[in-house]
Amino acid sequence: MISSVNTFKSKLQLLSRRLQRSDLRNFPHLQAELKRQCNDTAQLGSARYEEQVQSILSEFDRRFTDFASIEPVASYLCFPFGSIDVDDIASKVASLFHLNSLAVENEIITLQNDIEIKSRATQGMKGEFWELLLQEKYPNLRRCAMNFTAHFGSIYLCESAFSHMKIIKSKYRSTMTDDHLVACLRLVTSCYNPDYEKLASSSQCQNYIYF
């Protein structure tokens, strides 16, 4: 999520710089319209477009202001064996998760010199890496990693469910009951695939009498 937000912000910054130079390579339809009207891009009043881009960028900065403190911790949790300032990372982790800074610092140093864990990390371990750490040896780092992963996972689930609920509860379905809404949300947010053949084979055949 942090990577996606930062990527989008970088793209907005690039668009803003190009609009300042009246560079429309990212706006092919606007460029084609100017060409159709036989107007030069230099004559384009790009200030209003740049203002819109800057407005979106400012809104992103406002909504994701907490990412400035979270990003260093996220970077460390994604790759704990890089070159880092142990004291700085330990203080940020401890501050974010309300832990003892000295205990976190000790676990970070121990992990960086743990040859066995480091060898496993180079074998493509990603989400399962932190589960390899012993709870008795790395209680704080394990807690941080699990809480961090669960936090962003729960945000996605909540946003996904809310988006689907807005689609389901349209103005044309005003008579929908709460039970029906719950059933619809359960269907749309789950990955369950029914065994239709088994359901069909277990159903009772209906006998029809034709006159």
N, C-alpha and C. Protein backbone atom coordinates (compact mmCIF):
# COMPACT_ATOMS: atom_id res chain seq x y z
N MET A 1 0.83 -1.20 0.00
CA MET A 1 0.00 0.00 0.00
C MET A 1 0.86 1.26 0.00
N ILE A 2 1.90 1.27 0.85
CA ILE A 2 2.80 2.42 0.90
C ILE A 2 3.49 2.61 -0.44
N SER A 3 3.92 1.51 -1.05
CA SER A 3 4.58 1.59 -2.35
C SER A 3 3.64 2.15 -3.41
N SER A 4 2.38 1.72 -3.38
CA SER A 4 1.41 2.20 -4.36
C SER A 4 1.16 3.69 -4.21
N VAL A 5 1.03 4.16 -2.97
CA VAL A 5 0.79 5.58 -2.72
C VAL A 5 1.99 6.41 -3.17
N ASN A 6 3.20 5.97 -2.81
CA ASN A 6 4.40 6.70 -3.20
C ASN A 6 4.59 6.72 -4.71
N THR A 7 4.25 5.61 -5.36
CA THR A 7 4.36 5.55 -6.82
C THR A 7 3.41 6.54 -7.47
N PHE A 8 2.18 6.58 -6.98
CA PHE A 8 1.20 7.50 -7.55
C PHE A 8 1.60 8.95 -7.32
N LYS A 9 2.15 9.26 -6.14
CA LYS A 9 2.60 10.62 -5.86
C LYS A 9 3.76 11.02 -6.77
N SER A 10 4.67 10.09 -7.03
CA SER A 10 5.79 10.37 -7.94
C SER A 10 5.30 10.66 -9.35
N LYS A 11 4.27 9.92 -9.77
CA LYS A 11 3.70 10.16 -11.09
C LYS A 11 3.04 11.53 -11.17
N LEU A 12 2.36 11.92 -10.09
CA LEU A 12 1.73 13.25 -10.05
C LEU A 12 2.78 14.35 -10.10
N GLN A 13 3.88 14.16 -9.39
CA GLN A 13 4.96 15.15 -9.41
C GLN A 13 5.57 15.27 -10.80
N LEU A 14 5.71 14.14 -11.48
CA LEU A 14 6.23 14.16 -12.85
C LEU A 14 5.27 14.90 -13.78
N LEU A 15 3.97 14.63 -13.65
CA LEU A 15 2.97 15.32 -14.47
C LEU A 15 3.01 16.82 -14.22
N SER A 16 3.16 17.22 -12.97
CA SER A 16 3.20 18.64 -12.64
C SER A 16 4.40 19.33 -13.29
N ARG A 17 5.56 18.69 -13.22
CA ARG A 17 6.76 19.28 -13.83
C ARG A 17 6.61 19.39 -15.34
N ARG A 18 6.01 18.39 -15.96
CA ARG A 18 5.85 18.44 -17.41
C ARG A 18 4.81 19.47 -17.84
N LEU A 19 3.78 19.64 -17.03
CA LEU A 19 2.79 20.68 -17.35
C LEU A 19 3.39 22.07 -17.24
N GLN A 20 4.32 22.25 -16.33
CA GLN A 20 5.00 23.54 -16.22
C GLN A 20 5.77 23.88 -17.49
N ARG A 21 6.24 22.85 -18.18
CA ARG A 21 6.98 23.05 -19.44
C ARG A 21 6.07 22.91 -20.66
N SER A 22 4.76 22.78 -20.43
CA SER A 22 3.79 22.56 -21.51
C SER A 22 4.11 21.29 -22.29
N ASP A 23 4.64 20.30 -21.59
CA ASP A 23 4.94 19.00 -22.18
C ASP A 23 3.72 18.11 -22.00
N LEU A 24 3.07 17.75 -23.10
CA LEU A 24 1.80 17.03 -23.04
C LEU A 24 1.92 15.55 -23.44
N ARG A 25 3.08 14.98 -23.29
CA ARG A 25 3.24 13.58 -23.71
C ARG A 25 2.35 12.63 -22.91
N ASN A 26 1.98 13.01 -21.70
CA ASN A 26 1.09 12.18 -20.88
C ASN A 26 -0.38 12.50 -21.11
N PHE A 27 -0.67 13.45 -21.98
CA PHE A 27 -2.05 13.85 -22.26
C PHE A 27 -2.28 13.80 -23.78
N PRO A 28 -2.33 12.60 -24.34
CA PRO A 28 -2.43 12.47 -25.80
C PRO A 28 -3.71 13.06 -26.37
N HIS A 29 -4.83 12.96 -25.65
CA HIS A 29 -6.09 13.49 -26.17
C HIS A 29 -6.06 15.02 -26.23
N LEU A 30 -5.50 15.64 -25.20
CA LEU A 30 -5.36 17.10 -25.20
C LEU A 30 -4.39 17.54 -26.28
N GLN A 31 -3.34 16.78 -26.45
CA GLN A 31 -2.36 17.09 -27.49
C GLN A 31 -2.98 16.98 -28.88
N ALA A 32 -3.81 15.95 -29.07
CA ALA A 32 -4.47 15.77 -30.37
C ALA A 32 -5.47 16.88 -30.63
N GLU A 33 -6.18 17.32 -29.58
CA GLU A 33 -7.16 18.40 -29.74
C GLU A 33 -6.48 19.71 -30.11
N LEU A 34 -5.36 20.00 -29.49
CA LEU A 34 -4.61 21.21 -29.84
C LEU A 34 -4.10 21.14 -31.28
N LYS A 35 -3.67 19.96 -31.68
CA LYS A 35 -3.20 19.80 -33.05
C LYS A 35 -4.34 19.96 -34.03
N ARG A 36 -5.53 19.47 -33.66
CA ARG A 36 -6.68 19.61 -34.53
C ARG A 36 -7.08 21.07 -34.70
N GLN A 37 -6.92 21.84 -33.64
CA GLN A 37 -7.25 23.26 -33.69
C GLN A 37 -6.09 24.11 -34.19
N CYS A 38 -5.03 23.44 -34.61
CA CYS A 38 -3.84 24.13 -35.14
C CYS A 38 -3.24 25.08 -34.11
N ASN A 39 -3.26 24.68 -32.85
CA ASN A 39 -2.67 25.49 -31.78
C ASN A 39 -1.37 24.85 -31.31
N ASP A 40 -0.43 25.69 -30.95
CA ASP A 40 0.84 25.22 -30.43
C ASP A 40 0.70 24.92 -28.94
N THR A 41 1.42 23.90 -28.47
CA THR A 41 1.35 23.57 -27.04
C THR A 41 1.87 24.71 -26.17
N ALA A 42 2.73 25.54 -26.73
CA ALA A 42 3.25 26.67 -25.96
C ALA A 42 2.16 27.67 -25.62
N GLN A 43 1.07 27.67 -26.43
CA GLN A 43 -0.04 28.59 -26.18
C GLN A 43 -1.03 28.04 -25.15
N LEU A 44 -0.79 26.82 -24.70
CA LEU A 44 -1.70 26.20 -23.75
C LEU A 44 -1.57 26.85 -22.37
N GLY A 45 -2.69 27.21 -21.79
CA GLY A 45 -2.68 27.72 -20.43
C GLY A 45 -2.66 26.56 -19.46
N SER A 46 -1.47 26.03 -19.22
CA SER A 46 -1.34 24.80 -18.43
C SER A 46 -1.46 25.02 -16.93
N ALA A 47 -1.56 26.27 -16.51
CA ALA A 47 -1.60 26.56 -15.06
C ALA A 47 -2.79 25.91 -14.39
N ARG A 48 -3.95 25.93 -15.04
CA ARG A 48 -5.15 25.36 -14.42
C ARG A 48 -5.04 23.84 -14.29
N TYR A 49 -4.38 23.20 -15.28
CA TYR A 49 -4.21 21.75 -15.21
C TYR A 49 -3.19 21.39 -14.12
N GLU A 50 -2.14 22.17 -14.06
CA GLU A 50 -1.13 21.94 -13.03
C GLU A 50 -1.73 22.14 -11.64
N GLU A 51 -2.64 23.10 -11.52
CA GLU A 51 -3.29 23.35 -10.24
C GLU A 51 -4.12 22.15 -9.80
N GLN A 52 -4.78 21.50 -10.75
CA GLN A 52 -5.56 20.31 -10.42
C GLN A 52 -4.65 19.17 -9.94
N VAL A 53 -3.54 19.00 -10.62
CA VAL A 53 -2.60 17.95 -10.24
C VAL A 53 -2.03 18.22 -8.85
N GLN A 54 -1.67 19.48 -8.59
CA GLN A 54 -1.14 19.85 -7.29
C GLN A 54 -2.19 19.67 -6.19
N SER A 55 -3.45 19.91 -6.53
CA SER A 55 -4.53 19.72 -5.56
C SER A 55 -4.65 18.26 -5.16
N ILE A 56 -4.55 17.37 -6.14
CA ILE A 56 -4.60 15.93 -5.85
C ILE A 56 -3.40 15.51 -5.01
N LEU A 57 -2.23 16.04 -5.35
CA LEU A 57 -1.01 15.72 -4.62
C LEU A 57 -1.09 16.19 -3.17
N SER A 58 -1.63 17.38 -2.96
CA SER A 58 -1.80 17.90 -1.60
C SER A 58 -2.78 17.06 -0.79
N GLU A 59 -3.83 16.58 -1.47
CA GLU A 59 -4.81 15.74 -0.79
C GLU A 59 -4.20 14.40 -0.37
N PHE A 60 -3.33 13.87 -1.23
CA PHE A 60 -2.64 12.63 -0.88
C PHE A 60 -1.72 12.84 0.32
N ASP A 61 -1.01 13.97 0.33
CA ASP A 61 -0.13 14.27 1.47
C ASP A 61 -0.93 14.40 2.76
N ARG A 62 -2.12 14.98 2.66
CA ARG A 62 -2.94 15.17 3.85
C ARG A 62 -3.49 13.84 4.36
N ARG A 63 -3.97 13.00 3.44
CA ARG A 63 -4.60 11.75 3.84
C ARG A 63 -3.59 10.71 4.32
N PHE A 64 -2.38 10.76 3.78
CA PHE A 64 -1.37 9.75 4.12
C PHE A 64 -0.18 10.36 4.84
N THR A 65 -0.46 11.33 5.69
CA THR A 65 0.62 12.01 6.41
C THR A 65 1.35 11.08 7.37
N ASP A 66 0.68 10.04 7.86
CA ASP A 66 1.30 9.10 8.80
C ASP A 66 2.34 8.20 8.14
N PHE A 67 2.32 8.15 6.82
CA PHE A 67 3.25 7.26 6.12
C PHE A 67 4.70 7.68 6.33
N ALA A 68 4.94 8.95 6.64
CA ALA A 68 6.32 9.42 6.84
C ALA A 68 6.98 8.68 8.00
N SER A 69 6.22 8.38 9.04
CA SER A 69 6.77 7.66 10.19
C SER A 69 6.69 6.14 10.01
N ILE A 70 5.76 5.68 9.18
CA ILE A 70 5.58 4.24 8.99
C ILE A 70 6.55 3.67 7.97
N GLU A 71 6.88 4.45 6.94
CA GLU A 71 7.67 3.93 5.82
C GLU A 71 9.02 3.35 6.23
N PRO A 72 9.82 4.01 7.09
CA PRO A 72 11.10 3.40 7.48
C PRO A 72 10.93 2.05 8.16
N VAL A 73 9.89 1.92 8.97
CA VAL A 73 9.62 0.64 9.64
C VAL A 73 9.21 -0.42 8.62
N ALA A 74 8.37 -0.02 7.66
CA ALA A 74 7.93 -0.96 6.62
C ALA A 74 9.12 -1.43 5.79
N SER A 75 10.02 -0.51 5.46
CA SER A 75 11.21 -0.88 4.67
C SER A 75 12.07 -1.88 5.43
N TYR A 76 12.21 -1.66 6.73
CA TYR A 76 13.02 -2.59 7.53
C TYR A 76 12.36 -3.96 7.61
N LEU A 77 11.05 -3.99 7.83
CA LEU A 77 10.35 -5.27 7.95
C LEU A 77 10.36 -6.05 6.64
N CYS A 78 10.42 -5.33 5.51
CA CYS A 78 10.48 -6.01 4.21
C CYS A 78 11.86 -6.61 3.96
N PHE A 79 12.91 -5.92 4.42
CA PHE A 79 14.27 -6.43 4.24
C PHE A 79 15.11 -6.05 5.46
N PRO A 80 15.14 -6.91 6.48
CA PRO A 80 15.82 -6.56 7.74
C PRO A 80 17.33 -6.69 7.71
N PHE A 81 17.91 -7.16 6.59
CA PHE A 81 19.36 -7.38 6.55
C PHE A 81 20.10 -6.32 5.75
N GLY A 82 19.44 -5.23 5.44
CA GLY A 82 20.10 -4.15 4.72
C GLY A 82 20.96 -3.30 5.64
N SER A 83 21.63 -2.32 5.05
CA SER A 83 22.46 -1.40 5.83
C SER A 83 21.54 -0.36 6.48
N ILE A 84 21.46 -0.38 7.80
CA ILE A 84 20.52 0.49 8.51
C ILE A 84 21.21 1.14 9.70
N ASP A 85 20.60 2.20 10.19
CA ASP A 85 21.00 2.83 11.44
C ASP A 85 20.19 2.14 12.55
N VAL A 86 20.83 1.24 13.27
CA VAL A 86 20.13 0.41 14.25
C VAL A 86 19.42 1.26 15.29
N ASP A 87 20.09 2.28 15.79
CA ASP A 87 19.50 3.12 16.83
C ASP A 87 18.26 3.84 16.31
N ASP A 88 18.34 4.34 15.07
CA ASP A 88 17.20 5.07 14.49
C ASP A 88 16.01 4.16 14.25
N ILE A 89 16.27 2.99 13.63
CA ILE A 89 15.18 2.05 13.34
C ILE A 89 14.57 1.52 14.63
N ALA A 90 15.39 1.22 15.60
CA ALA A 90 14.88 0.69 16.87
C ALA A 90 13.98 1.70 17.56
N SER A 91 14.37 2.96 17.54
CA SER A 91 13.54 3.99 18.18
C SER A 91 12.22 4.18 17.46
N LYS A 92 12.24 4.09 16.11
CA LYS A 92 11.01 4.25 15.33
C LYS A 92 10.07 3.06 15.52
N VAL A 93 10.64 1.87 15.54
CA VAL A 93 9.83 0.66 15.78
C VAL A 93 9.22 0.70 17.18
N ALA A 94 10.04 1.06 18.15
CA ALA A 94 9.56 1.12 19.54
C ALA A 94 8.49 2.18 19.71
N SER A 95 8.66 3.32 19.04
CA SER A 95 7.67 4.40 19.14
C SER A 95 6.35 4.01 18.48
N LEU A 96 6.44 3.34 17.33
CA LEU A 96 5.24 2.99 16.58
C LEU A 96 4.43 1.91 17.29
N PHE A 97 5.12 0.95 17.92
CA PHE A 97 4.42 -0.18 18.54
C PHE A 97 4.46 -0.14 20.07
N HIS A 98 4.94 0.97 20.63
CA HIS A 98 4.97 1.16 22.09
C HIS A 98 5.76 0.04 22.78
N LEU A 99 7.01 -0.12 22.35
CA LEU A 99 7.88 -1.15 22.90
C LEU A 99 9.10 -0.52 23.55
N ASN A 100 9.88 -1.35 24.22
CA ASN A 100 11.13 -0.89 24.83
C ASN A 100 12.20 -0.77 23.75
N SER A 101 12.75 0.43 23.60
CA SER A 101 13.70 0.68 22.52
C SER A 101 14.96 -0.17 22.64
N LEU A 102 15.47 -0.36 23.86
CA LEU A 102 16.68 -1.15 24.06
C LEU A 102 16.45 -2.62 23.71
N ALA A 103 15.26 -3.14 24.04
CA ALA A 103 14.95 -4.54 23.72
C ALA A 103 14.85 -4.74 22.21
N VAL A 104 14.22 -3.78 21.53
CA VAL A 104 14.11 -3.86 20.07
C VAL A 104 15.48 -3.76 19.42
N GLU A 105 16.30 -2.85 19.93
CA GLU A 105 17.65 -2.67 19.41
C GLU A 105 18.46 -3.95 19.53
N ASN A 106 18.34 -4.62 20.66
CA ASN A 106 19.06 -5.87 20.88
C ASN A 106 18.61 -6.96 19.91
N GLU A 107 17.30 -7.04 19.65
CA GLU A 107 16.78 -8.05 18.72
C GLU A 107 17.22 -7.76 17.28
N ILE A 108 17.26 -6.49 16.90
CA ILE A 108 17.69 -6.12 15.55
C ILE A 108 19.15 -6.54 15.33
N ILE A 109 20.01 -6.24 16.30
CA ILE A 109 21.43 -6.60 16.19
C ILE A 109 21.59 -8.12 16.15
N THR A 110 20.85 -8.82 17.00
CA THR A 110 20.93 -10.28 17.04
C THR A 110 20.48 -10.88 15.71
N LEU A 111 19.41 -10.35 15.15
CA LEU A 111 18.89 -10.87 13.88
C LEU A 111 19.87 -10.62 12.74
N GLN A 112 20.50 -9.46 12.71
CA GLN A 112 21.43 -9.15 11.63
C GLN A 112 22.65 -10.07 11.65
N ASN A 113 22.94 -10.66 12.78
CA ASN A 113 24.09 -11.55 12.89
C ASN A 113 23.69 -13.02 13.03
N ASP A 114 22.43 -13.31 12.80
CA ASP A 114 21.93 -14.69 12.87
C ASP A 114 22.14 -15.35 11.52
N ILE A 115 23.19 -16.14 11.40
CA ILE A 115 23.57 -16.74 10.11
C ILE A 115 22.50 -17.70 9.60
N GLU A 116 21.92 -18.48 10.49
CA GLU A 116 20.91 -19.46 10.07
C GLU A 116 19.68 -18.78 9.48
N ILE A 117 19.16 -17.76 10.17
CA ILE A 117 17.99 -17.04 9.68
C ILE A 117 18.32 -16.30 8.39
N LYS A 118 19.51 -15.73 8.32
CA LYS A 118 19.91 -14.98 7.13
C LYS A 118 19.98 -15.90 5.91
N SER A 119 20.45 -17.13 6.09
CA SER A 119 20.53 -18.07 4.97
C SER A 119 19.15 -18.45 4.47
N ARG A 120 18.19 -18.56 5.37
CA ARG A 120 16.82 -18.87 4.96
C ARG A 120 16.18 -17.69 4.23
N ALA A 121 16.54 -16.49 4.64
CA ALA A 121 15.95 -15.29 4.03
C ALA A 121 16.38 -15.14 2.58
N THR A 122 17.51 -15.69 2.20
CA THR A 122 17.99 -15.56 0.83
C THR A 122 17.37 -16.60 -0.09
N GLN A 123 16.51 -17.45 0.43
CA GLN A 123 15.88 -18.50 -0.37
C GLN A 123 14.48 -18.12 -0.83
N GLY A 124 14.22 -16.82 -0.92
CA GLY A 124 12.93 -16.36 -1.44
C GLY A 124 11.83 -16.28 -0.42
N MET A 125 12.19 -16.33 0.88
CA MET A 125 11.16 -16.22 1.91
C MET A 125 10.63 -14.80 1.96
N LYS A 126 9.31 -14.63 2.00
CA LYS A 126 8.72 -13.29 2.04
C LYS A 126 7.81 -13.18 3.26
N GLY A 127 6.52 -13.44 3.07
CA GLY A 127 5.59 -13.30 4.17
C GLY A 127 5.84 -14.29 5.28
N GLU A 128 6.44 -15.45 4.95
CA GLU A 128 6.66 -16.48 5.96
C GLU A 128 7.95 -16.25 6.75
N PHE A 129 8.75 -15.26 6.35
CA PHE A 129 10.06 -15.09 6.99
C PHE A 129 9.95 -14.88 8.49
N TRP A 130 9.08 -13.97 8.91
CA TRP A 130 9.01 -13.63 10.33
C TRP A 130 8.46 -14.78 11.18
N GLU A 131 7.80 -15.74 10.54
CA GLU A 131 7.34 -16.91 11.28
C GLU A 131 8.48 -17.85 11.61
N LEU A 132 9.62 -17.69 10.93
CA LEU A 132 10.78 -18.52 11.22
C LEU A 132 11.47 -18.13 12.52
N LEU A 133 11.27 -16.89 12.95
CA LEU A 133 11.93 -16.40 14.16
C LEU A 133 11.30 -17.00 15.41
N LEU A 134 12.14 -17.43 16.32
CA LEU A 134 11.64 -18.00 17.58
C LEU A 134 11.00 -16.92 18.44
N GLN A 135 9.84 -17.23 18.98
CA GLN A 135 9.13 -16.28 19.83
C GLN A 135 9.95 -15.91 21.07
N GLU A 136 10.68 -16.87 21.61
CA GLU A 136 11.47 -16.62 22.82
C GLU A 136 12.67 -15.71 22.53
N LYS A 137 13.17 -15.76 21.30
CA LYS A 137 14.38 -15.01 20.95
C LYS A 137 14.06 -13.64 20.36
N TYR A 138 12.95 -13.55 19.59
CA TYR A 138 12.60 -12.29 18.93
C TYR A 138 11.13 -11.93 19.20
N PRO A 139 10.73 -11.79 20.44
CA PRO A 139 9.30 -11.52 20.71
C PRO A 139 8.82 -10.19 20.16
N ASN A 140 9.65 -9.16 20.26
CA ASN A 140 9.22 -7.82 19.82
C ASN A 140 9.15 -7.70 18.30
N LEU A 141 10.17 -8.22 17.60
CA LEU A 141 10.17 -8.13 16.15
C LEU A 141 9.06 -8.97 15.53
N ARG A 142 8.81 -10.14 16.09
CA ARG A 142 7.70 -10.96 15.60
C ARG A 142 6.37 -10.24 15.79
N ARG A 143 6.20 -9.64 16.94
CA ARG A 143 4.96 -8.91 17.22
C ARG A 143 4.79 -7.74 16.25
N CYS A 144 5.88 -7.02 16.01
CA CYS A 144 5.81 -5.88 15.08
C CYS A 144 5.42 -6.33 13.68
N ALA A 145 6.08 -7.39 13.20
CA ALA A 145 5.82 -7.87 11.84
C ALA A 145 4.39 -8.36 11.68
N MET A 146 3.90 -9.13 12.64
CA MET A 146 2.54 -9.66 12.56
C MET A 146 1.50 -8.55 12.65
N ASN A 147 1.71 -7.61 13.57
CA ASN A 147 0.77 -6.49 13.72
C ASN A 147 0.76 -5.61 12.49
N PHE A 148 1.93 -5.39 11.92
CA PHE A 148 2.03 -4.53 10.74
C PHE A 148 1.30 -5.15 9.56
N THR A 149 1.53 -6.44 9.34
CA THR A 149 0.87 -7.14 8.24
C THR A 149 -0.64 -7.19 8.44
N ALA A 150 -1.07 -7.49 9.65
CA ALA A 150 -2.50 -7.58 9.93
C ALA A 150 -3.17 -6.22 9.81
N HIS A 151 -2.46 -5.16 10.18
CA HIS A 151 -3.03 -3.81 10.12
C HIS A 151 -3.41 -3.43 8.70
N PHE A 152 -2.47 -3.59 7.76
CA PHE A 152 -2.76 -3.19 6.39
C PHE A 152 -3.69 -4.18 5.70
N GLY A 153 -3.65 -5.45 6.12
CA GLY A 153 -4.60 -6.40 5.56
C GLY A 153 -6.02 -6.08 5.96
N SER A 154 -6.21 -5.66 7.23
CA SER A 154 -7.56 -5.34 7.70
C SER A 154 -8.09 -4.07 7.04
N ILE A 155 -7.21 -3.11 6.75
CA ILE A 155 -7.63 -1.89 6.05
C ILE A 155 -8.18 -2.24 4.68
N TYR A 156 -7.46 -3.12 3.97
CA TYR A 156 -7.91 -3.51 2.63
C TYR A 156 -9.26 -4.21 2.70
N LEU A 157 -9.43 -5.11 3.66
CA LEU A 157 -10.69 -5.84 3.77
C LEU A 157 -11.85 -4.90 4.07
N CYS A 158 -11.62 -3.93 4.96
CA CYS A 158 -12.68 -2.97 5.30
C CYS A 158 -13.05 -2.11 4.09
N GLU A 159 -12.04 -1.61 3.38
CA GLU A 159 -12.31 -0.77 2.22
C GLU A 159 -13.00 -1.56 1.12
N SER A 160 -12.57 -2.81 0.94
CA SER A 160 -13.19 -3.66 -0.08
C SER A 160 -14.65 -3.93 0.25
N ALA A 161 -14.93 -4.27 1.51
CA ALA A 161 -16.31 -4.55 1.91
C ALA A 161 -17.18 -3.30 1.78
N PHE A 162 -16.64 -2.15 2.16
CA PHE A 162 -17.41 -0.90 2.07
C PHE A 162 -17.72 -0.56 0.61
N SER A 163 -16.75 -0.74 -0.28
CA SER A 163 -16.97 -0.45 -1.70
C SER A 163 -18.05 -1.35 -2.28
N HIS A 164 -17.99 -2.64 -1.93
CA HIS A 164 -19.01 -3.56 -2.42
C HIS A 164 -20.38 -3.23 -1.84
N MET A 165 -20.42 -2.79 -0.58
CA MET A 165 -21.69 -2.46 0.04
C MET A 165 -22.35 -1.27 -0.65
N LYS A 166 -21.53 -0.29 -1.07
CA LYS A 166 -22.08 0.87 -1.78
C LYS A 166 -22.70 0.46 -3.11
N ILE A 167 -22.10 -0.53 -3.76
CA ILE A 167 -22.65 -1.01 -5.03
C ILE A 167 -23.93 -1.81 -4.80
N ILE A 168 -23.91 -2.66 -3.78
CA ILE A 168 -25.08 -3.52 -3.50
C ILE A 168 -26.27 -2.69 -3.05
N LYS A 169 -26.04 -1.74 -2.15
CA LYS A 169 -27.14 -0.94 -1.60
C LYS A 169 -27.40 0.29 -2.47
N SER A 170 -27.82 0.06 -3.67
CA SER A 170 -28.16 1.17 -4.56
C SER A 170 -29.59 1.65 -4.26
N LYS A 171 -29.95 2.78 -4.85
CA LYS A 171 -31.28 3.34 -4.62
C LYS A 171 -32.39 2.46 -5.18
N TYR A 172 -32.02 1.53 -6.07
CA TYR A 172 -33.02 0.65 -6.67
C TYR A 172 -33.27 -0.60 -5.82
N ARG A 173 -32.55 -0.72 -4.70
CA ARG A 173 -32.72 -1.90 -3.84
C ARG A 173 -33.02 -1.45 -2.42
N SER A 174 -33.99 -0.59 -2.30
CA SER A 174 -34.33 0.01 -1.01
C SER A 174 -35.02 -0.97 -0.06
N THR A 175 -35.55 -2.06 -0.58
CA THR A 175 -36.25 -3.03 0.27
C THR A 175 -35.34 -4.15 0.78
N MET A 176 -34.05 -4.04 0.54
CA MET A 176 -33.13 -5.09 0.96
C MET A 176 -33.05 -5.17 2.48
N THR A 177 -33.14 -6.37 3.02
CA THR A 177 -33.04 -6.57 4.47
C THR A 177 -31.58 -6.66 4.90
N ASP A 178 -31.34 -6.53 6.19
CA ASP A 178 -29.98 -6.64 6.71
C ASP A 178 -29.40 -8.03 6.48
N ASP A 179 -30.24 -9.04 6.65
CA ASP A 179 -29.77 -10.42 6.44
C ASP A 179 -29.36 -10.64 4.99
N HIS A 180 -30.14 -10.08 4.07
CA HIS A 180 -29.82 -10.22 2.65
C HIS A 180 -28.52 -9.49 2.32
N LEU A 181 -28.33 -8.31 2.92
CA LEU A 181 -27.10 -7.55 2.69
C LEU A 181 -25.88 -8.31 3.20
N VAL A 182 -26.00 -8.90 4.38
CA VAL A 182 -24.90 -9.69 4.94
C VAL A 182 -24.56 -10.86 4.03
N ALA A 183 -25.59 -11.52 3.51
CA ALA A 183 -25.36 -12.66 2.60
C ALA A 183 -24.66 -12.20 1.32
N CYS A 184 -25.08 -11.07 0.78
CA CYS A 184 -24.46 -10.54 -0.44
C CYS A 184 -23.00 -10.16 -0.20
N LEU A 185 -22.73 -9.52 0.93
CA LEU A 185 -21.35 -9.14 1.26
C LEU A 185 -20.47 -10.36 1.48
N ARG A 186 -21.04 -11.38 2.10
CA ARG A 186 -20.28 -12.60 2.33
C ARG A 186 -19.89 -13.25 1.00
N LEU A 187 -20.81 -13.23 0.06
CA LEU A 187 -20.54 -13.82 -1.25
C LEU A 187 -19.48 -13.04 -2.02
N VAL A 188 -19.58 -11.72 -2.00
CA VAL A 188 -18.72 -10.90 -2.85
C VAL A 188 -17.31 -10.74 -2.27
N THR A 189 -17.15 -10.91 -0.96
CA THR A 189 -15.83 -10.72 -0.35
C THR A 189 -15.11 -12.02 -0.03
N SER A 190 -15.74 -13.15 -0.28
CA SER A 190 -15.11 -14.44 0.01
C SER A 190 -14.59 -15.07 -1.27
N CYS A 191 -13.68 -16.01 -1.10
CA CYS A 191 -13.11 -16.73 -2.25
C CYS A 191 -13.67 -18.15 -2.36
N TYR A 192 -14.81 -18.38 -1.75
CA TYR A 192 -15.40 -19.72 -1.75
C TYR A 192 -16.01 -20.03 -3.11
N ASN A 193 -15.66 -21.18 -3.66
CA ASN A 193 -16.21 -21.64 -4.93
C ASN A 193 -17.06 -22.89 -4.68
N PRO A 194 -18.37 -22.79 -4.82
CA PRO A 194 -19.24 -23.94 -4.56
C PRO A 194 -18.96 -25.10 -5.52
N ASP A 195 -19.16 -26.30 -5.04
CA ASP A 195 -19.06 -27.49 -5.88
C ASP A 195 -20.44 -27.72 -6.50
N TYR A 196 -20.66 -27.11 -7.66
CA TYR A 196 -21.99 -27.14 -8.26
C TYR A 196 -22.42 -28.55 -8.64
N GLU A 197 -21.49 -29.37 -9.09
CA GLU A 197 -21.83 -30.75 -9.48
C GLU A 197 -22.32 -31.54 -8.26
N LYS A 198 -21.65 -31.37 -7.14
CA LYS A 198 -22.06 -32.08 -5.92
C LYS A 198 -23.41 -31.58 -5.44
N LEU A 199 -23.63 -30.27 -5.51
CA LEU A 199 -24.91 -29.71 -5.09
C LEU A 199 -26.04 -30.21 -5.98
N ALA A 200 -25.76 -30.27 -7.29
CA ALA A 200 -26.79 -30.72 -8.22
C ALA A 200 -27.11 -32.20 -8.04
N SER A 201 -26.07 -33.00 -7.79
CA SER A 201 -26.30 -34.44 -7.64
C SER A 201 -27.03 -34.77 -6.33
N SER A 202 -26.86 -33.90 -5.32
CA SER A 202 -27.52 -34.16 -4.04
C SER A 202 -28.95 -33.61 -3.99
N SER A 203 -29.32 -32.84 -5.00
CA SER A 203 -30.68 -32.28 -5.01
C SER A 203 -31.67 -33.33 -5.49
N GLN A 204 -32.88 -33.23 -5.00
CA GLN A 204 -33.93 -34.18 -5.38
C GLN A 204 -34.49 -33.80 -6.74
N CYS A 205 -34.59 -34.79 -7.60
CA CYS A 205 -35.15 -34.53 -8.93
C CYS A 205 -36.64 -34.26 -8.82
N GLN A 206 -37.11 -33.34 -9.60
CA GLN A 206 -38.53 -33.00 -9.60
C GLN A 206 -39.22 -33.75 -10.75
N ASN A 207 -40.35 -34.33 -10.43
CA ASN A 207 -41.13 -35.03 -11.45
C ASN A 207 -42.28 -34.14 -11.89
N TYR A 208 -42.35 -33.88 -13.16
CA TYR A 208 -43.40 -33.03 -13.69
C TYR A 208 -44.42 -33.89 -14.45
N ILE A 209 -45.68 -33.54 -14.29
CA ILE A 209 -46.75 -34.24 -15.01
C ILE A 209 -47.29 -33.30 -16.07
N TYR A 210 -47.21 -33.73 -17.30
CA TYR A 210 -47.66 -32.90 -18.41
C TYR A 210 -49.04 -33.36 -18.85
N PHE A 211 -49.91 -32.43 -19.13
CA PHE A 211 -51.27 -32.76 -19.59
C PHE A 211 -51.38 -32.39 -21.07
